[in-house]
Amino acid sequence: MKMAGSPVYGTPLSMLEDVQLMANMGLEAYRFSISWSRLIPDGRGPINPKGLLFYNNLINELIRHGIQPHVTLHHWDIPQILDDEYGGWVSRRIVKDFTAYAHVCFREFGDRVKYWTTVNEGNVFAMFGYDLGLLPPQRCSSAIGKCSRGNSSTEPYLAAHHMLLAHASAARLYRKKFQGLQHGFIGFSLLGFGLVPQTNTSEDIIATQRAHDFLMGWFLNPLTYGDYPDIIKKNAGSRLPLFTKKESNMVKASIDFLGINFYYTFYIKNSLESLQMKERDYMADIAAKIPITTWSLQGVLDSLTNNYGNIPIYIHENGQKTARNSSLDDWTRVKYLNAYIGSLLDILRTGSNVRGYFVWSLLDGLELFNGYEASFGLYYIDLNDPSLKRQPKLSAEWYSSFLNKRTLNPKFTMEIKKNTALLSQAPLMHNAT
């Protein structure tokens, strides 16, 4: 995967401009990730003073404008030296290094940052980075994808296991040394899978529960109960690392909140024949076919409450993909956001414990699945313009109106219906980063 990010994203000058955009829009919170490589280039040891200054300036600028920072510690990049030295997340050694990195972040930024997410979309990172090889670090078996290294049968489970241990270790450190003084919260983020049986047959209903256990319970069962679901233990067998009693107690109840990134609903069809494969990867272990459609945020939230209790939830990502060079009049995105936020408001009225919602994303950026071809942003950036001027789309105006008036605008709602009458006949495109 060869992609280069724009040199202007994340510069001190653009940072000031972007925070001003947030303030003008009426944002109360902004979610961003710290790059381990930018802060501690060698993975451990000396801190990069320029990296430290950049994040301090960003956090201070957000606070100055009354915007609450929500910080993610790992959004799929680690210092190259750790990957070269021991393979990154496939090695247990990363637990100690990640905890030391988290300690630096808590110490340097925790007086102003109250919301910490250790890992972004751990389930997606393990699946696509270590089974299918479609995301960095692009590890997979040769029979699965075009990877130069990896083992799709074992490494997804190893990476997930070490993410959970690293999270739990960082959370224990935070609670013991920092939380009492800084009064913050620590959590974990997953891609939320809305799962619906394709038919009412018992086979598809059982397959749906199995898919839930693999896609969500893989992380949430340990974080809630201290161990993996029984079906994962059964299907993965000796390929699944196990927790010691001490580790189980450390992982259990180690989140103050859960971050959910929501884009899809999946219709599940039983596929037990995949269990007959001689060599199985993680996806084959699920033993289900998983086509994608849209909708039902309420379904995934209800499922989380029913299975894991009334834990505080933040919708960390929700948004719509369009072509990058499409019109600034992005009516389909407005329609999408209007529908999802309207649904979320209905859910809140029923007593849901959702504490916050973040649109993905403020700006058009580099998407790991689509590069610069896809657009999720409320603001358009012309990459051919040397100044990389931020241009507000209609969705930016709509979202600002919603934030400032605290209600869905009836005028916009009528216009949405009028301008998307034809578009509504086609399915909306969605993707996660």
Foldseek 3Di string as FASTA:
>chain_A
DDFDFDPPVLDPVVLLVLLVLCLVLQAQEDEDEQAQCQQPVQLDDDGDVVSLVSVVVSLVSCVVSNYAYAYEHDEPDGRVNVCVPPNALLDLVVLVSLLRSLVVCCVSPLLRHFHYAHYAALLCCLCCDADQLLFPVRAHDPVRYPGPHHHLLARSQSSSVSSLSSLLSNLVCCVVPPCVPSVHFYEYEHAFEAEAAPDPDPQSVVLRVLLCQLRPVSQQVLQAPQWGDPLCCVLSPPSHDGDDPVSSVSNHVSGQEYEYAYWWYWHKDAALVLSVDPRHGSVSSSRIDTDIAGDDPVSRLVVCCVPRNQHEYEHAEDFAKDFQPDDLQPLVRLVRCLVVVVVVVVVVVVPHRYDYYAYPDQEFTQDSNQGNGIGGHQWHFDPVDPVRDTHGGVNSVQSSCCSVVVDRDPVSVVVSCVVCVPVVVDGTHHDDD
